[in-house]
């Protein structure tokens, strides 16, 4: 299991605490320091079953100038932009060993990730 975090984010800290309390082994990725490549984002989006604009933080996206139309024609533009501006990506994102992935912003979603392991 891997969790993409921003250490200053309270939701990331809460998700890590839940993983720790459950005794789950995981790798922590500080994605602001180690941004996901476009290929990694594409893989995670497939696992999430989401589009890139679905995992974009609205304010941070606007600040970064990410204003592409939300359509298939601009999907790759979104992916490249998010990879180049990781602060605009929702957090935390948990990828489980079974291939599932979660934008784990609440305890219930973290629990789902823990259960899927």
C-alpha atoms as a PDB file:
ATOM      1  CA  UNK A   1       0.000   0.000   0.000  1.00  0.00           C
ATOM      2  CA  UNK A   2       1.174   3.510  -0.747  1.00  0.00           C
ATOM      3  CA  UNK A   3      -0.172   6.835   0.463  1.00  0.00           C
ATOM      4  CA  UNK A   4       0.525  10.111  -1.320  1.00  0.00           C
ATOM      5  CA  UNK A   5       0.662  12.849   1.289  1.00  0.00           C
ATOM      6  CA  UNK A   6       1.440  16.447   2.009  1.00  0.00           C
ATOM      7  CA  UNK A   7       2.777  16.383   5.601  1.00  0.00           C
ATOM      8  CA  UNK A   8       1.181  19.748   6.394  1.00  0.00           C
ATOM      9  CA  UNK A   9      -2.300  18.451   5.456  1.00  0.00           C
ATOM     10  CA  UNK A  10      -4.518  17.483   8.388  1.00  0.00           C
ATOM     11  CA  UNK A  11      -6.452  14.927   6.295  1.00  0.00           C
ATOM     12  CA  UNK A  12      -3.149  13.267   5.325  1.00  0.00           C
ATOM     13  CA  UNK A  13      -2.037  13.108   8.935  1.00  0.00           C
ATOM     14  CA  UNK A  14      -5.408  11.644   9.953  1.00  0.00           C
ATOM     15  CA  UNK A  15      -5.247   9.013   7.198  1.00  0.00           C
ATOM     16  CA  UNK A  16      -1.719   8.018   8.251  1.00  0.00           C
ATOM     17  CA  UNK A  17      -2.854   7.772  11.873  1.00  0.00           C
ATOM     18  CA  UNK A  18      -5.720   5.474  10.816  1.00  0.00           C
ATOM     19  CA  UNK A  19      -3.335   3.290   8.795  1.00  0.00           C
ATOM     20  CA  UNK A  20      -0.933   3.149  11.740  1.00  0.00           C
ATOM     21  CA  UNK A  21      -3.734   2.298  14.189  1.00  0.00           C
ATOM     22  CA  UNK A  22      -4.827  -0.546  11.902  1.00  0.00           C
ATOM     23  CA  UNK A  23      -1.249  -1.866  11.742  1.00  0.00           C
ATOM     24  CA  UNK A  24      -1.162  -1.579   7.964  1.00  0.00           C
ATOM     25  CA  UNK A  25       2.211  -1.591   6.235  1.00  0.00           C
ATOM     26  CA  UNK A  26       2.497   1.253   3.746  1.00  0.00           C
ATOM     27  CA  UNK A  27       4.956   3.410   1.885  1.00  0.00           C
ATOM     28  CA  UNK A  28       4.651   7.147   2.319  1.00  0.00           C
ATOM     29  CA  UNK A  29       5.158   9.296  -0.749  1.00  0.00           C
ATOM     30  CA  UNK A  30       5.545  13.006  -0.219  1.00  0.00           C
ATOM     31  CA  UNK A  31       4.185  13.813  -3.628  1.00  0.00           C
ATOM     32  CA  UNK A  32       5.117  17.509  -3.510  1.00  0.00           C
ATOM     33  CA  UNK A  33       8.777  16.476  -3.227  1.00  0.00           C
ATOM     34  CA  UNK A  34       8.391  13.449  -5.522  1.00  0.00           C
ATOM     35  CA  UNK A  35       5.650  14.391  -8.002  1.00  0.00           C
ATOM     36  CA  UNK A  36       3.935  11.622  -9.916  1.00  0.00           C
ATOM     37  CA  UNK A  37       4.855  11.358 -13.566  1.00  0.00           C
ATOM     38  CA  UNK A  38       2.124  11.623 -16.188  1.00  0.00           C
ATOM     39  CA  UNK A  39       2.302   7.824 -16.551  1.00  0.00           C
ATOM     40  CA  UNK A  40       1.881   7.316 -12.795  1.00  0.00           C
ATOM     41  CA  UNK A  41      -1.062   9.718 -12.725  1.00  0.00           C
ATOM     42  CA  UNK A  42      -2.652   7.897 -15.650  1.00  0.00           C
ATOM     43  CA  UNK A  43      -2.302   4.589 -13.791  1.00  0.00           C
ATOM     44  CA  UNK A  44      -3.721   5.980 -10.547  1.00  0.00           C
ATOM     45  CA  UNK A  45      -6.629   7.587 -12.390  1.00  0.00           C
ATOM     46  CA  UNK A  46      -7.436   4.220 -13.975  1.00  0.00           C
ATOM     47  CA  UNK A  47      -7.333   2.589 -10.547  1.00  0.00           C
ATOM     48  CA  UNK A  48      -9.552   5.330  -9.117  1.00  0.00           C
ATOM     49  CA  UNK A  49     -11.942   5.209 -12.056  1.00  0.00           C
ATOM     50  CA  UNK A  50     -11.756   9.013 -12.240  1.00  0.00           C
ATOM     51  CA  UNK A  51     -10.760  11.725 -14.668  1.00  0.00           C
ATOM     52  CA  UNK A  52      -7.850  14.077 -13.907  1.00  0.00           C
ATOM     53  CA  UNK A  53     -10.150  17.032 -13.197  1.00  0.00           C
ATOM     54  CA  UNK A  54     -11.910  14.864 -10.587  1.00  0.00           C
ATOM     55  CA  UNK A  55      -8.730  14.785  -8.478  1.00  0.00           C
ATOM     56  CA  UNK A  56      -7.830  18.443  -9.004  1.00  0.00           C
ATOM     57  CA  UNK A  57      -8.036  20.846  -6.090  1.00  0.00           C
ATOM     58  CA  UNK A  58     -10.036  23.778  -7.527  1.00  0.00           C
ATOM     59  CA  UNK A  59      -8.253  26.726  -5.897  1.00  0.00           C
ATOM     60  CA  UNK A  60      -4.774  25.297  -6.407  1.00  0.00           C
ATOM     61  CA  UNK A  61      -5.600  24.416 -10.020  1.00  0.00           C
ATOM     62  CA  UNK A  62      -6.696  27.977 -10.734  1.00  0.00           C
ATOM     63  CA  UNK A  63      -3.596  29.362  -8.994  1.00  0.00           C
ATOM     64  CA  UNK A  64      -1.432  27.105 -11.182  1.00  0.00           C
ATOM     65  CA  UNK A  65      -3.255  28.266 -14.301  1.00  0.00           C
ATOM     66  CA  UNK A  66      -4.819  24.863 -14.949  1.00  0.00           C
ATOM     67  CA  UNK A  67      -7.970  25.887 -16.770  1.00  0.00           C
ATOM     68  CA  UNK A  68      -8.286  23.258 -19.487  1.00  0.00           C
ATOM     69  CA  UNK A  69     -11.773  22.224 -20.561  1.00  0.00           C
ATOM     70  CA  UNK A  70     -12.948  19.109 -18.743  1.00  0.00           C
ATOM     71  CA  UNK A  71     -13.261  16.815 -21.729  1.00  0.00           C
ATOM     72  CA  UNK A  72     -11.541  13.855 -23.367  1.00  0.00           C
ATOM     73  CA  UNK A  73      -9.703  16.089 -25.831  1.00  0.00           C
ATOM     74  CA  UNK A  74      -7.891  17.847 -22.961  1.00  0.00           C
ATOM     75  CA  UNK A  75      -7.388  14.839 -20.656  1.00  0.00           C
ATOM     76  CA  UNK A  76      -3.649  14.578 -21.381  1.00  0.00           C
ATOM     77  CA  UNK A  77      -3.243  18.341 -20.827  1.00  0.00           C
ATOM     78  CA  UNK A  78      -4.800  17.898 -17.378  1.00  0.00           C
ATOM     79  CA  UNK A  79      -2.513  14.983 -16.563  1.00  0.00           C
ATOM     80  CA  UNK A  80       0.628  16.847 -17.622  1.00  0.00           C
ATOM     81  CA  UNK A  81      -0.484  19.957 -15.723  1.00  0.00           C
ATOM     82  CA  UNK A  82      -1.211  18.050 -12.523  1.00  0.00           C
ATOM     83  CA  UNK A  83       2.103  16.226 -12.770  1.00  0.00           C
ATOM     84  CA  UNK A  84       3.882  19.566 -13.139  1.00  0.00           C
ATOM     85  CA  UNK A  85       1.838  21.178 -10.347  1.00  0.00           C
ATOM     86  CA  UNK A  86       1.354  18.441  -7.739  1.00  0.00           C
ATOM     87  CA  UNK A  87      -0.025  20.902  -5.173  1.00  0.00           C
ATOM     88  CA  UNK A  88      -3.187  20.888  -7.329  1.00  0.00           C
ATOM     89  CA  UNK A  89      -3.762  17.139  -6.742  1.00  0.00           C
ATOM     90  CA  UNK A  90      -6.274  16.050  -4.098  1.00  0.00           C
ATOM     91  CA  UNK A  91      -4.778  14.358  -1.082  1.00  0.00           C
ATOM     92  CA  UNK A  92      -4.288  11.879   0.375  1.00  0.00           C
ATOM     93  CA  UNK A  93      -4.414   9.220  -2.307  1.00  0.00           C
ATOM     94  CA  UNK A  94      -4.041   5.619  -1.182  1.00  0.00           C
ATOM     95  CA  UNK A  95      -3.193   2.824  -3.603  1.00  0.00           C
ATOM     96  CA  UNK A  96      -3.888  -0.640  -2.218  1.00  0.00           C
ATOM     97  CA  UNK A  97      -2.029  -3.797  -3.100  1.00  0.00           C
ATOM     98  CA  UNK A  98      -5.123  -5.303  -4.741  1.00  0.00           C
ATOM     99  CA  UNK A  99      -5.092  -2.614  -7.444  1.00  0.00           C
ATOM    100  CA  UNK A 100      -7.730  -0.364  -5.934  1.00  0.00           C
ATOM    101  CA  UNK A 101      -7.105   3.287  -5.117  1.00  0.00           C
ATOM    102  CA  UNK A 102      -8.855   5.935  -3.037  1.00  0.00           C
ATOM    103  CA  UNK A 103      -8.920   9.674  -2.563  1.00  0.00           C
ATOM    104  CA  UNK A 104      -8.995   9.152   1.194  1.00  0.00           C
ATOM    105  CA  UNK A 105     -10.218  12.469   2.560  1.00  0.00           C
ATOM    106  CA  UNK A 106     -12.499  10.915   5.193  1.00  0.00           C
ATOM    107  CA  UNK A 107     -12.180   8.071   7.721  1.00  0.00           C
ATOM    108  CA  UNK A 108     -14.725   5.878   5.906  1.00  0.00           C
ATOM    109  CA  UNK A 109     -12.678   5.912   2.699  1.00  0.00           C
ATOM    110  CA  UNK A 110      -9.458   5.208   4.614  1.00  0.00           C
ATOM    111  CA  UNK A 111     -11.252   2.237   6.197  1.00  0.00           C
ATOM    112  CA  UNK A 112     -12.205   0.949   2.732  1.00  0.00           C
ATOM    113  CA  UNK A 113      -8.536   1.138   1.703  1.00  0.00           C
ATOM    114  CA  UNK A 114      -7.489  -0.681   4.866  1.00  0.00           C
ATOM    115  CA  UNK A 115     -10.056  -3.410   4.259  1.00  0.00           C
ATOM    116  CA  UNK A 116      -8.843  -3.872   0.672  1.00  0.00           C
ATOM    117  CA  UNK A 117      -5.222  -3.822   1.833  1.00  0.00           C
END
